[in-house]
């Protein structure tokens, strides 16, 4: 016969583990609800508490990254996205969020690489292909063109001995915001079509898609 005390201890450990997972799930879902209400810092607080219990939950790291982006905390956003990808390297959603976080820091070339990985993993995701990778590639080309123009102008100025002012660099933040609004409008159009409710589109006209967090209620 087994040791009753040992068996009881094992059962208690199982129960405690289940309690931890249950609490983490509850905190995660509370964070989702708060994020849907655009209470980003409160959501981050819930998710941080959930990660203290289940630090290897890549989905929570990914949602935290998106929330950090909303409040302008680009470095924590990047770290959270990187952790999500570290825990689940082949999860295209995590890679997509990492790419967007990299764009937030102006790391356009790195974002293109990250989006490319995501597309390779999930080539059927049209949003990922059209709205993330293609746009990032276009942005990278724009930066490269501006860089080439700047170098050409500097070379010409050096030969003529004329001082020139620096050519302007487009705003990454502004570009991302404009793209986010476009993405949100596309999403609202899809929802309106699926629901047969044109008021959905009207309600979303003045809302930024960057406020949308992928909610994973568990």
N, C-alpha and C. Protein backbone atom coordinates (compact mmCIF):
# COMPACT_ATOMS: atom_id res chain seq x y z
N UNK A 1 0.83 -1.20 0.00
CA UNK A 1 0.00 0.00 0.00
C UNK A 1 0.87 1.26 0.00
N UNK A 2 0.40 2.28 -0.65
CA UNK A 2 1.15 3.52 -0.67
C UNK A 2 1.03 4.25 0.64
N UNK A 3 1.90 5.17 0.80
CA UNK A 3 1.90 5.99 2.00
C UNK A 3 0.75 7.01 1.92
N UNK A 4 -0.24 6.94 2.82
CA UNK A 4 -1.39 7.85 2.77
C UNK A 4 -0.97 9.31 2.87
N UNK A 5 0.02 9.59 3.70
CA UNK A 5 0.48 10.97 3.87
C UNK A 5 1.07 11.50 2.57
N UNK A 6 1.82 10.64 1.88
CA UNK A 6 2.44 11.03 0.61
C UNK A 6 1.36 11.29 -0.44
N UNK A 7 0.37 10.40 -0.48
CA UNK A 7 -0.73 10.56 -1.44
C UNK A 7 -1.50 11.84 -1.20
N UNK A 8 -1.77 12.16 0.07
CA UNK A 8 -2.47 13.38 0.43
C UNK A 8 -1.68 14.61 0.01
N UNK A 9 -0.35 14.54 0.22
CA UNK A 9 0.51 15.66 -0.14
C UNK A 9 0.47 15.90 -1.65
N UNK A 10 0.49 14.81 -2.41
CA UNK A 10 0.45 14.94 -3.87
C UNK A 10 -0.88 15.54 -4.33
N UNK A 11 -1.96 15.11 -3.68
CA UNK A 11 -3.28 15.64 -4.04
C UNK A 11 -3.37 17.13 -3.73
N UNK A 12 -2.78 17.53 -2.59
CA UNK A 12 -2.79 18.94 -2.23
C UNK A 12 -1.98 19.77 -3.23
N UNK A 13 -0.87 19.20 -3.69
CA UNK A 13 -0.05 19.90 -4.67
C UNK A 13 -0.80 20.10 -5.98
N UNK A 14 -1.55 19.06 -6.38
CA UNK A 14 -2.35 19.15 -7.60
C UNK A 14 -3.42 20.23 -7.46
N UNK A 15 -4.07 20.25 -6.30
CA UNK A 15 -5.11 21.24 -6.04
C UNK A 15 -4.54 22.66 -6.05
N UNK A 16 -3.37 22.81 -5.43
CA UNK A 16 -2.74 24.12 -5.38
C UNK A 16 -2.37 24.59 -6.79
N UNK A 17 -1.87 23.64 -7.61
CA UNK A 17 -1.51 23.98 -8.98
C UNK A 17 -2.75 24.41 -9.76
N UNK A 18 -3.84 23.69 -9.57
CA UNK A 18 -5.09 24.05 -10.24
C UNK A 18 -5.58 25.42 -9.78
N UNK A 19 -5.44 25.70 -8.50
CA UNK A 19 -5.86 26.99 -7.98
C UNK A 19 -5.05 28.12 -8.61
N UNK A 20 -3.74 27.89 -8.77
CA UNK A 20 -2.87 28.89 -9.38
C UNK A 20 -3.31 29.16 -10.82
N UNK A 21 -3.56 28.09 -11.57
CA UNK A 21 -3.98 28.26 -12.96
C UNK A 21 -5.33 28.94 -13.06
N UNK A 22 -6.23 28.56 -12.15
CA UNK A 22 -7.56 29.17 -12.15
C UNK A 22 -7.48 30.67 -11.86
N UNK A 23 -6.66 31.02 -10.87
CA UNK A 23 -6.50 32.43 -10.52
C UNK A 23 -5.86 33.21 -11.66
N UNK A 24 -4.84 32.60 -12.28
CA UNK A 24 -4.18 33.27 -13.40
C UNK A 24 -5.14 33.48 -14.56
N UNK A 25 -5.98 32.49 -14.81
CA UNK A 25 -6.97 32.60 -15.88
C UNK A 25 -7.97 33.72 -15.58
N UNK A 26 -8.38 33.79 -14.32
CA UNK A 26 -9.33 34.84 -13.93
C UNK A 26 -8.71 36.21 -14.12
N UNK A 27 -7.47 36.38 -13.66
CA UNK A 27 -6.78 37.66 -13.80
C UNK A 27 -6.59 38.03 -15.27
N UNK A 28 -6.26 37.03 -16.07
CA UNK A 28 -6.09 37.28 -17.50
C UNK A 28 -7.38 37.76 -18.13
N UNK A 29 -8.47 37.11 -17.80
CA UNK A 29 -9.76 37.49 -18.37
C UNK A 29 -10.22 38.86 -17.88
N UNK A 30 -9.88 39.18 -16.63
CA UNK A 30 -10.19 40.52 -16.13
C UNK A 30 -9.40 41.57 -16.91
N UNK A 31 -8.16 41.23 -17.23
CA UNK A 31 -7.36 42.13 -18.04
C UNK A 31 -7.97 42.35 -19.42
N UNK A 32 -8.51 41.28 -19.99
CA UNK A 32 -9.17 41.38 -21.29
C UNK A 32 -10.35 42.35 -21.21
N UNK A 33 -11.16 42.20 -20.18
CA UNK A 33 -12.33 43.08 -20.01
C UNK A 33 -11.90 44.53 -19.86
N UNK A 34 -10.85 44.76 -19.10
CA UNK A 34 -10.36 46.14 -18.90
C UNK A 34 -9.80 46.71 -20.21
N UNK A 35 -9.11 45.88 -20.97
CA UNK A 35 -8.56 46.34 -22.24
C UNK A 35 -9.66 46.69 -23.22
N UNK A 36 -10.73 45.91 -23.21
CA UNK A 36 -11.87 46.21 -24.08
C UNK A 36 -12.48 47.56 -23.74
N UNK A 37 -12.36 47.95 -22.46
CA UNK A 37 -12.85 49.26 -22.02
C UNK A 37 -11.78 50.35 -22.15
N UNK A 38 -10.65 49.99 -22.78
CA UNK A 38 -9.53 50.90 -23.00
C UNK A 38 -8.89 51.37 -21.70
N UNK A 39 -9.01 50.57 -20.67
CA UNK A 39 -8.33 50.86 -19.40
C UNK A 39 -7.00 50.09 -19.40
N UNK A 40 -6.09 50.62 -20.19
CA UNK A 40 -4.87 49.89 -20.50
C UNK A 40 -3.99 49.60 -19.29
N UNK A 41 -3.77 50.59 -18.43
CA UNK A 41 -2.90 50.36 -17.28
C UNK A 41 -3.51 49.36 -16.31
N UNK A 42 -4.82 49.43 -16.13
CA UNK A 42 -5.47 48.46 -15.25
C UNK A 42 -5.34 47.06 -15.84
N UNK A 43 -5.47 46.95 -17.17
CA UNK A 43 -5.32 45.66 -17.83
C UNK A 43 -3.90 45.13 -17.65
N UNK A 44 -2.93 46.02 -17.82
CA UNK A 44 -1.53 45.62 -17.64
C UNK A 44 -1.30 45.11 -16.22
N UNK A 45 -1.93 45.76 -15.25
CA UNK A 45 -1.80 45.32 -13.86
C UNK A 45 -2.33 43.90 -13.66
N UNK A 46 -3.48 43.62 -14.25
CA UNK A 46 -4.06 42.27 -14.11
C UNK A 46 -3.17 41.24 -14.79
N UNK A 47 -2.70 41.58 -15.97
CA UNK A 47 -1.86 40.62 -16.69
C UNK A 47 -0.52 40.41 -16.00
N UNK A 48 0.00 41.47 -15.40
CA UNK A 48 1.26 41.31 -14.64
C UNK A 48 1.06 40.35 -13.48
N UNK A 49 -0.09 40.48 -12.80
CA UNK A 49 -0.40 39.58 -11.69
C UNK A 49 -0.57 38.15 -12.19
N UNK A 50 -1.19 38.01 -13.35
CA UNK A 50 -1.37 36.67 -13.92
C UNK A 50 -0.03 36.05 -14.29
N UNK A 51 0.87 36.87 -14.82
CA UNK A 51 2.19 36.36 -15.21
C UNK A 51 3.04 36.00 -14.00
N UNK A 52 2.77 36.63 -12.87
CA UNK A 52 3.49 36.25 -11.65
C UNK A 52 3.16 34.82 -11.25
N UNK A 53 1.96 34.37 -11.66
CA UNK A 53 1.53 33.00 -11.36
C UNK A 53 1.88 32.04 -12.48
N UNK A 54 1.75 32.51 -13.71
CA UNK A 54 2.04 31.66 -14.88
C UNK A 54 2.94 32.43 -15.84
N UNK A 55 4.23 32.54 -15.52
CA UNK A 55 5.13 33.39 -16.30
C UNK A 55 5.38 32.91 -17.74
N UNK A 56 5.03 31.67 -18.02
CA UNK A 56 5.29 31.14 -19.35
C UNK A 56 4.08 31.22 -20.29
N UNK A 57 3.09 32.01 -19.93
CA UNK A 57 1.92 32.16 -20.78
C UNK A 57 2.21 33.19 -21.87
N UNK A 58 2.52 32.72 -23.05
CA UNK A 58 2.92 33.62 -24.14
C UNK A 58 1.78 34.53 -24.59
N UNK A 59 0.54 34.07 -24.45
CA UNK A 59 -0.58 34.90 -24.90
C UNK A 59 -0.72 36.17 -24.05
N UNK A 60 -0.44 36.05 -22.76
CA UNK A 60 -0.53 37.23 -21.89
C UNK A 60 0.59 38.21 -22.21
N UNK A 61 1.79 37.70 -22.44
CA UNK A 61 2.89 38.58 -22.82
C UNK A 61 2.54 39.35 -24.09
N UNK A 62 1.90 38.66 -25.03
CA UNK A 62 1.56 39.31 -26.29
C UNK A 62 0.52 40.41 -26.10
N UNK A 63 -0.50 40.12 -25.31
CA UNK A 63 -1.53 41.14 -25.06
C UNK A 63 -0.97 42.32 -24.29
N UNK A 64 -0.04 42.05 -23.36
CA UNK A 64 0.60 43.15 -22.63
C UNK A 64 1.38 44.04 -23.58
N UNK A 65 2.02 43.43 -24.56
CA UNK A 65 2.77 44.22 -25.53
C UNK A 65 1.84 45.19 -26.24
N UNK A 66 0.69 44.71 -26.67
CA UNK A 66 -0.26 45.58 -27.35
C UNK A 66 -0.74 46.71 -26.43
N UNK A 67 -1.00 46.37 -25.18
CA UNK A 67 -1.46 47.38 -24.23
C UNK A 67 -0.38 48.44 -24.00
N UNK A 68 0.87 48.00 -23.89
CA UNK A 68 1.96 48.96 -23.72
C UNK A 68 2.07 49.90 -24.92
N UNK A 69 1.82 49.37 -26.11
CA UNK A 69 1.86 50.21 -27.30
C UNK A 69 0.83 51.33 -27.19
N UNK A 70 -0.36 50.98 -26.67
CA UNK A 70 -1.43 51.96 -26.56
C UNK A 70 -1.08 53.12 -25.63
N UNK A 71 -0.30 52.84 -24.59
CA UNK A 71 0.04 53.90 -23.63
C UNK A 71 1.40 54.53 -23.94
N UNK A 72 1.95 54.18 -25.10
CA UNK A 72 3.19 54.81 -25.53
C UNK A 72 4.45 54.28 -24.89
N UNK A 73 4.36 53.14 -24.22
CA UNK A 73 5.54 52.55 -23.58
C UNK A 73 6.19 51.57 -24.57
N UNK A 74 6.99 52.13 -25.48
CA UNK A 74 7.49 51.32 -26.59
C UNK A 74 8.52 50.28 -26.16
N UNK A 75 9.33 50.58 -25.18
CA UNK A 75 10.34 49.61 -24.76
C UNK A 75 9.72 48.42 -24.02
N UNK A 76 8.82 48.64 -23.05
CA UNK A 76 8.13 47.49 -22.45
C UNK A 76 7.32 46.71 -23.48
N UNK A 77 6.77 47.41 -24.46
CA UNK A 77 6.01 46.73 -25.52
C UNK A 77 6.92 45.77 -26.27
N UNK A 78 8.11 46.24 -26.58
CA UNK A 78 9.07 45.40 -27.30
C UNK A 78 9.49 44.20 -26.45
N UNK A 79 9.77 44.45 -25.17
CA UNK A 79 10.21 43.36 -24.29
C UNK A 79 9.12 42.29 -24.15
N UNK A 80 7.89 42.73 -23.98
CA UNK A 80 6.79 41.77 -23.82
C UNK A 80 6.59 40.95 -25.09
N UNK A 81 6.68 41.62 -26.24
CA UNK A 81 6.53 40.90 -27.51
C UNK A 81 7.68 39.92 -27.71
N UNK A 82 8.88 40.34 -27.36
CA UNK A 82 10.03 39.45 -27.50
C UNK A 82 9.88 38.21 -26.60
N UNK A 83 9.34 38.42 -25.40
CA UNK A 83 9.12 37.30 -24.49
C UNK A 83 8.07 36.34 -25.05
N UNK A 84 7.03 36.90 -25.64
CA UNK A 84 5.99 36.06 -26.24
C UNK A 84 6.57 35.19 -27.35
N UNK A 85 7.42 35.79 -28.18
CA UNK A 85 8.03 35.05 -29.28
C UNK A 85 9.05 34.04 -28.76
N UNK A 86 9.75 34.41 -27.70
CA UNK A 86 10.71 33.48 -27.10
C UNK A 86 10.01 32.23 -26.58
N UNK A 87 8.84 32.42 -25.97
CA UNK A 87 8.09 31.30 -25.41
C UNK A 87 7.38 30.49 -26.49
N UNK A 88 7.00 31.16 -27.58
CA UNK A 88 6.29 30.48 -28.67
C UNK A 88 6.82 31.01 -30.00
N UNK A 89 7.98 30.50 -30.44
CA UNK A 89 8.66 31.06 -31.62
C UNK A 89 7.88 30.93 -32.92
N UNK A 90 7.00 29.96 -33.00
CA UNK A 90 6.28 29.72 -34.25
C UNK A 90 4.84 30.22 -34.22
N UNK A 91 4.54 31.11 -33.30
CA UNK A 91 3.20 31.68 -33.19
C UNK A 91 3.17 32.96 -33.99
N UNK A 92 2.44 32.96 -35.09
CA UNK A 92 2.46 34.10 -35.99
C UNK A 92 1.89 35.36 -35.34
N UNK A 93 0.92 35.21 -34.44
CA UNK A 93 0.34 36.38 -33.77
C UNK A 93 1.40 37.11 -32.95
N UNK A 94 2.21 36.35 -32.22
CA UNK A 94 3.27 36.96 -31.43
C UNK A 94 4.28 37.69 -32.32
N UNK A 95 4.60 37.08 -33.45
CA UNK A 95 5.53 37.71 -34.39
C UNK A 95 4.94 38.99 -34.99
N UNK A 96 3.65 38.95 -35.28
CA UNK A 96 2.99 40.14 -35.80
C UNK A 96 3.07 41.30 -34.80
N UNK A 97 2.79 41.00 -33.54
CA UNK A 97 2.85 42.03 -32.50
C UNK A 97 4.28 42.51 -32.29
N UNK A 98 5.24 41.59 -32.37
CA UNK A 98 6.64 41.99 -32.23
C UNK A 98 7.02 42.94 -33.36
N UNK A 99 6.58 42.63 -34.58
CA UNK A 99 6.88 43.50 -35.71
C UNK A 99 6.31 44.89 -35.50
N UNK A 100 5.11 44.96 -34.97
CA UNK A 100 4.47 46.26 -34.74
C UNK A 100 5.20 47.02 -33.62
N UNK A 101 5.67 46.29 -32.62
CA UNK A 101 6.44 46.94 -31.55
C UNK A 101 7.76 47.47 -32.10
N UNK A 102 8.38 46.71 -32.99
CA UNK A 102 9.63 47.16 -33.60
C UNK A 102 9.41 48.42 -34.44
N UNK A 103 8.27 48.47 -35.13
CA UNK A 103 7.95 49.68 -35.88
C UNK A 103 7.81 50.88 -34.95
N UNK A 104 7.22 50.63 -33.77
CA UNK A 104 7.05 51.70 -32.80
C UNK A 104 8.36 52.32 -32.36
N UNK A 105 9.44 51.54 -32.45
CA UNK A 105 10.77 52.04 -32.10
C UNK A 105 11.54 52.51 -33.32
N UNK A 106 10.89 52.43 -34.48
CA UNK A 106 11.57 52.85 -35.70
C UNK A 106 12.48 51.80 -36.28
N UNK A 107 12.41 50.58 -35.80
CA UNK A 107 13.24 49.49 -36.30
C UNK A 107 12.54 48.85 -37.51
N UNK A 108 12.48 49.59 -38.59
CA UNK A 108 11.69 49.18 -39.75
C UNK A 108 12.26 47.92 -40.40
N UNK A 109 13.57 47.86 -40.57
CA UNK A 109 14.19 46.69 -41.21
C UNK A 109 13.94 45.43 -40.39
N UNK A 110 14.05 45.54 -39.06
CA UNK A 110 13.80 44.40 -38.20
C UNK A 110 12.33 43.99 -38.27
N UNK A 111 11.45 44.97 -38.36
CA UNK A 111 10.02 44.67 -38.45
C UNK A 111 9.71 43.90 -39.73
N UNK A 112 10.35 44.28 -40.83
CA UNK A 112 10.15 43.57 -42.10
C UNK A 112 10.57 42.11 -41.95
N UNK A 113 11.69 41.87 -41.31
CA UNK A 113 12.15 40.50 -41.09
C UNK A 113 11.16 39.72 -40.23
N UNK A 114 10.65 40.36 -39.19
CA UNK A 114 9.72 39.69 -38.28
C UNK A 114 8.41 39.38 -38.98
N UNK A 115 7.87 40.34 -39.71
CA UNK A 115 6.63 40.10 -40.46
C UNK A 115 6.84 39.00 -41.49
N UNK A 116 8.02 38.96 -42.09
CA UNK A 116 8.31 37.93 -43.09
C UNK A 116 8.27 36.54 -42.44
N UNK A 117 8.81 36.43 -41.25
CA UNK A 117 8.75 35.15 -40.52
C UNK A 117 7.31 34.75 -40.25
N UNK A 118 6.51 35.73 -39.83
CA UNK A 118 5.10 35.45 -39.53
C UNK A 118 4.35 34.99 -40.78
N UNK A 119 4.60 35.64 -41.90
CA UNK A 119 3.95 35.27 -43.16
C UNK A 119 4.39 33.87 -43.58
N UNK A 120 5.64 33.55 -43.38
CA UNK A 120 6.15 32.21 -43.72
C UNK A 120 5.43 31.14 -42.91
N UNK A 121 5.15 31.44 -41.65
CA UNK A 121 4.46 30.49 -40.77
C UNK A 121 2.98 30.39 -41.12
N UNK A 122 2.38 31.55 -41.43
CA UNK A 122 0.93 31.57 -41.70
C UNK A 122 0.66 32.38 -42.97
N UNK A 123 0.94 31.79 -44.12
CA UNK A 123 0.81 32.54 -45.38
C UNK A 123 -0.62 32.87 -45.77
N UNK A 124 -1.59 32.24 -45.14
CA UNK A 124 -2.99 32.48 -45.49
C UNK A 124 -3.59 33.71 -44.81
N UNK A 125 -2.85 34.31 -43.88
CA UNK A 125 -3.36 35.47 -43.19
C UNK A 125 -3.18 36.72 -44.06
N UNK A 126 -4.27 37.12 -44.74
CA UNK A 126 -4.19 38.25 -45.66
C UNK A 126 -3.86 39.56 -44.95
N UNK A 127 -4.41 39.75 -43.73
CA UNK A 127 -4.11 40.97 -42.99
C UNK A 127 -2.62 41.09 -42.73
N UNK A 128 -2.02 39.99 -42.33
CA UNK A 128 -0.59 39.96 -42.03
C UNK A 128 0.22 40.30 -43.28
N UNK A 129 -0.19 39.75 -44.39
CA UNK A 129 0.55 39.96 -45.64
C UNK A 129 0.35 41.37 -46.18
N UNK A 130 -0.91 41.79 -46.27
CA UNK A 130 -1.22 43.06 -46.92
C UNK A 130 -1.04 44.26 -46.00
N UNK A 131 -1.49 44.12 -44.76
CA UNK A 131 -1.54 45.29 -43.87
C UNK A 131 -0.29 45.48 -43.02
N UNK A 132 0.50 44.42 -42.89
CA UNK A 132 1.71 44.54 -42.07
C UNK A 132 2.97 44.47 -42.94
N UNK A 133 3.19 43.32 -43.59
CA UNK A 133 4.44 43.14 -44.32
C UNK A 133 4.58 44.10 -45.49
N UNK A 134 3.56 44.17 -46.34
CA UNK A 134 3.67 45.03 -47.51
C UNK A 134 3.83 46.50 -47.12
N UNK A 135 3.09 46.91 -46.08
CA UNK A 135 3.22 48.30 -45.65
C UNK A 135 4.60 48.57 -45.07
N UNK A 136 5.12 47.65 -44.27
CA UNK A 136 6.44 47.83 -43.67
C UNK A 136 7.52 47.86 -44.75
N UNK A 137 7.37 47.01 -45.76
CA UNK A 137 8.33 47.01 -46.87
C UNK A 137 8.30 48.36 -47.59
N UNK A 138 7.09 48.88 -47.81
CA UNK A 138 6.97 50.18 -48.45
C UNK A 138 7.59 51.29 -47.62
N UNK A 139 7.40 51.21 -46.31
CA UNK A 139 7.98 52.21 -45.41
C UNK A 139 9.50 52.12 -45.43
N UNK A 140 10.02 50.90 -45.45
CA UNK A 140 11.47 50.71 -45.50
C UNK A 140 12.05 51.29 -46.79
N UNK A 141 11.36 51.07 -47.89
CA UNK A 141 11.82 51.62 -49.17
C UNK A 141 11.84 53.14 -49.13
N UNK A 142 10.80 53.72 -48.48
CA UNK A 142 10.74 55.18 -48.36
C UNK A 142 11.95 55.69 -47.58
N UNK A 143 12.28 55.03 -46.50
CA UNK A 143 13.42 55.44 -45.69
C UNK A 143 14.73 55.28 -46.47
N UNK A 144 14.83 54.21 -47.23
CA UNK A 144 16.04 53.98 -48.01
C UNK A 144 16.19 55.05 -49.09
N UNK A 145 15.07 55.44 -49.71
CA UNK A 145 15.10 56.49 -50.73
C UNK A 145 15.54 57.82 -50.11
N UNK A 146 14.98 58.13 -48.94
CA UNK A 146 15.35 59.37 -48.27
C UNK A 146 16.82 59.35 -47.89
N UNK A 147 17.30 58.19 -47.42
CA UNK A 147 18.71 58.06 -47.07
C UNK A 147 19.60 58.26 -48.27
N UNK A 148 19.21 57.70 -49.42
CA UNK A 148 20.00 57.84 -50.64
C UNK A 148 20.01 59.29 -51.10
N UNK A 149 18.85 59.95 -50.99
CA UNK A 149 18.76 61.36 -51.39
C UNK A 149 19.64 62.22 -50.48
N UNK A 150 19.63 61.90 -49.19
CA UNK A 150 20.43 62.67 -48.25
C UNK A 150 21.92 62.53 -48.56
N UNK A 151 22.34 61.30 -48.82
CA UNK A 151 23.76 61.07 -49.12
C UNK A 151 24.16 61.75 -50.42
N UNK A 152 23.25 61.71 -51.41
CA UNK A 152 23.54 62.36 -52.69
C UNK A 152 23.66 63.86 -52.51
N UNK A 153 22.76 64.43 -51.71
CA UNK A 153 22.80 65.87 -51.46
C UNK A 153 24.05 66.27 -50.70
N UNK A 154 24.45 65.43 -49.73
CA UNK A 154 25.65 65.72 -48.96
C UNK A 154 26.89 65.69 -49.85
N UNK A 155 26.92 64.70 -50.76
CA UNK A 155 28.06 64.59 -51.66
C UNK A 155 28.15 65.80 -52.58
N UNK A 156 26.99 66.22 -53.08
CA UNK A 156 26.98 67.38 -53.97
C UNK A 156 27.38 68.64 -53.21
N UNK A 157 26.91 68.76 -51.98
CA UNK A 157 27.25 69.94 -51.18
C UNK A 157 28.73 69.97 -50.85
N UNK A 158 29.29 68.80 -50.61
CA UNK A 158 30.71 68.74 -50.28
C UNK A 158 31.56 69.19 -51.46
N UNK A 159 31.14 68.81 -52.65
CA UNK A 159 31.88 69.20 -53.85
C UNK A 159 31.79 70.70 -54.10
N UNK A 160 30.62 71.25 -53.83
CA UNK A 160 30.42 72.69 -54.10
C UNK A 160 30.76 73.58 -52.91
N UNK A 161 30.96 72.95 -51.74
CA UNK A 161 31.29 73.71 -50.55
C UNK A 161 30.09 74.41 -49.94
N UNK A 162 28.88 73.95 -50.30
CA UNK A 162 27.66 74.56 -49.79
C UNK A 162 27.12 73.74 -48.62
N UNK A 163 26.63 74.43 -47.59
CA UNK A 163 26.03 73.76 -46.44
C UNK A 163 24.54 73.56 -46.70
N UNK A 164 24.06 72.34 -46.49
CA UNK A 164 22.64 72.06 -46.71
C UNK A 164 22.01 71.61 -45.40
N UNK A 165 20.73 71.83 -45.33
CA UNK A 165 19.97 71.36 -44.16
C UNK A 165 19.62 69.90 -44.33
N UNK A 166 19.41 69.23 -43.21
CA UNK A 166 19.06 67.81 -43.25
C UNK A 166 17.69 67.61 -43.88
N UNK A 167 17.56 66.60 -44.71
CA UNK A 167 16.27 66.28 -45.28
C UNK A 167 15.38 65.68 -44.20
N UNK A 168 14.11 66.00 -44.21
CA UNK A 168 13.21 65.48 -43.16
C UNK A 168 13.01 63.98 -43.28
N UNK A 169 12.85 63.35 -42.13
CA UNK A 169 12.55 61.92 -42.07
C UNK A 169 11.10 61.76 -41.67
N UNK A 170 10.32 60.94 -42.38
CA UNK A 170 8.89 60.80 -42.04
C UNK A 170 8.71 60.24 -40.65
N UNK A 171 7.63 60.63 -40.01
CA UNK A 171 7.35 60.20 -38.64
C UNK A 171 6.84 58.77 -38.61
N UNK A 172 7.57 57.89 -37.91
CA UNK A 172 7.12 56.51 -37.76
C UNK A 172 5.81 56.49 -36.99
N UNK A 173 5.75 57.28 -35.91
CA UNK A 173 4.57 57.27 -35.05
C UNK A 173 3.34 57.71 -35.84
N UNK A 174 3.49 58.80 -36.59
CA UNK A 174 2.36 59.28 -37.37
C UNK A 174 1.93 58.28 -38.42
N UNK A 175 2.90 57.66 -39.06
CA UNK A 175 2.58 56.69 -40.10
C UNK A 175 1.83 55.50 -39.51
N UNK A 176 2.27 55.05 -38.36
CA UNK A 176 1.62 53.91 -37.72
C UNK A 176 0.20 54.28 -37.33
N UNK A 177 0.00 55.48 -36.82
CA UNK A 177 -1.34 55.89 -36.43
C UNK A 177 -2.27 55.91 -37.64
N UNK A 178 -1.79 56.50 -38.76
CA UNK A 178 -2.61 56.54 -39.96
C UNK A 178 -2.95 55.13 -40.42
N UNK A 179 -1.96 54.24 -40.39
CA UNK A 179 -2.22 52.87 -40.83
C UNK A 179 -3.18 52.18 -39.87
N UNK A 180 -3.06 52.46 -38.59
CA UNK A 180 -3.95 51.85 -37.61
C UNK A 180 -5.40 52.24 -37.86
N UNK A 181 -5.61 53.51 -38.22
CA UNK A 181 -6.97 53.97 -38.50
C UNK A 181 -7.52 53.24 -39.72
N UNK A 182 -6.68 53.06 -40.74
CA UNK A 182 -7.12 52.34 -41.93
C UNK A 182 -7.49 50.90 -41.58
N UNK A 183 -6.65 50.26 -40.77
CA UNK A 183 -6.91 48.88 -40.37
C UNK A 183 -8.21 48.76 -39.59
N UNK A 184 -8.44 49.74 -38.73
CA UNK A 184 -9.66 49.70 -37.93
C UNK A 184 -10.89 49.83 -38.82
N UNK A 185 -10.82 50.74 -39.78
CA UNK A 185 -11.96 50.93 -40.68
C UNK A 185 -12.23 49.67 -41.50
N UNK A 186 -11.16 48.99 -41.93
CA UNK A 186 -11.33 47.74 -42.66
C UNK A 186 -12.02 46.71 -41.79
N UNK A 187 -11.58 46.62 -40.53
CA UNK A 187 -12.18 45.66 -39.60
C UNK A 187 -13.66 45.98 -39.38
N UNK A 188 -13.98 47.26 -39.23
CA UNK A 188 -15.37 47.65 -39.02
C UNK A 188 -16.23 47.34 -40.25
N UNK A 189 -15.68 47.50 -41.42
CA UNK A 189 -16.40 47.16 -42.63
C UNK A 189 -16.72 45.67 -42.67
N UNK A 190 -15.76 44.86 -42.25
CA UNK A 190 -15.99 43.41 -42.21
C UNK A 190 -17.08 43.06 -41.20
N UNK A 191 -17.00 43.69 -40.02
CA UNK A 191 -18.00 43.40 -38.99
C UNK A 191 -19.39 43.82 -39.45
N UNK A 192 -19.47 44.99 -40.11
CA UNK A 192 -20.76 45.47 -40.58
C UNK A 192 -21.35 44.53 -41.62
N UNK A 193 -20.48 44.04 -42.51
CA UNK A 193 -20.94 43.13 -43.55
C UNK A 193 -21.42 41.80 -42.96
N UNK A 194 -20.67 41.31 -41.99
CA UNK A 194 -21.03 40.02 -41.38
C UNK A 194 -22.30 40.13 -40.56
N UNK A 195 -22.47 41.26 -39.86
CA UNK A 195 -23.62 41.42 -38.98
C UNK A 195 -24.83 42.01 -39.70
N UNK A 196 -24.62 42.53 -40.90
CA UNK A 196 -25.70 43.19 -41.60
C UNK A 196 -26.16 44.44 -40.90
N UNK A 197 -25.24 45.08 -40.17
CA UNK A 197 -25.58 46.25 -39.36
C UNK A 197 -24.68 47.42 -39.75
N UNK A 198 -25.15 48.33 -40.60
CA UNK A 198 -24.30 49.45 -41.05
C UNK A 198 -23.93 50.41 -39.93
N UNK A 199 -24.65 50.40 -38.81
CA UNK A 199 -24.33 51.32 -37.71
C UNK A 199 -23.00 50.96 -37.06
N UNK A 200 -22.56 49.72 -37.23
CA UNK A 200 -21.25 49.32 -36.68
C UNK A 200 -20.16 50.18 -37.29
N UNK A 201 -20.25 50.38 -38.61
CA UNK A 201 -19.25 51.20 -39.28
C UNK A 201 -19.33 52.65 -38.83
N UNK A 202 -20.55 53.17 -38.64
CA UNK A 202 -20.72 54.54 -38.19
C UNK A 202 -20.11 54.76 -36.82
N UNK A 203 -20.32 53.76 -35.92
CA UNK A 203 -19.80 53.90 -34.55
C UNK A 203 -18.29 53.87 -34.52
N UNK A 204 -17.67 53.28 -35.54
CA UNK A 204 -16.22 53.13 -35.51
C UNK A 204 -15.45 54.17 -36.29
N UNK A 205 -16.14 55.16 -36.87
CA UNK A 205 -15.45 56.09 -37.74
C UNK A 205 -14.36 56.88 -37.04
N UNK A 206 -14.56 57.22 -35.77
CA UNK A 206 -13.60 58.06 -35.06
C UNK A 206 -12.74 57.29 -34.07
N UNK A 207 -12.62 55.99 -34.29
CA UNK A 207 -11.85 55.16 -33.37
C UNK A 207 -10.63 54.60 -34.08
N UNK A 208 -9.55 54.53 -33.37
CA UNK A 208 -8.29 54.05 -33.91
C UNK A 208 -8.17 52.54 -33.71
N UNK A 209 -7.79 51.82 -34.76
CA UNK A 209 -7.64 50.37 -34.63
C UNK A 209 -6.56 50.00 -33.63
N UNK A 210 -5.61 50.91 -33.39
CA UNK A 210 -4.57 50.58 -32.44
C UNK A 210 -5.12 50.37 -31.05
N UNK A 211 -6.42 50.74 -30.83
CA UNK A 211 -7.07 50.48 -29.56
C UNK A 211 -7.59 49.05 -29.46
N UNK A 212 -7.52 48.31 -30.57
CA UNK A 212 -8.06 46.95 -30.60
C UNK A 212 -6.99 45.96 -30.14
N UNK A 213 -7.28 45.20 -29.12
CA UNK A 213 -6.38 44.18 -28.63
C UNK A 213 -7.01 42.83 -28.88
N UNK A 214 -6.24 41.90 -29.37
CA UNK A 214 -6.78 40.56 -29.58
C UNK A 214 -7.12 39.95 -28.23
N UNK A 215 -8.36 39.71 -27.99
CA UNK A 215 -8.78 39.19 -26.70
C UNK A 215 -8.84 37.68 -26.72
N UNK A 216 -8.19 37.09 -25.75
CA UNK A 216 -8.20 35.64 -25.65
C UNK A 216 -8.76 35.25 -24.30
N UNK A 217 -10.07 35.25 -24.21
CA UNK A 217 -10.73 34.83 -22.97
C UNK A 217 -10.60 33.34 -22.85
N UNK A 218 -10.10 32.88 -21.71
CA UNK A 218 -9.88 31.44 -21.52
C UNK A 218 -10.83 30.87 -20.49
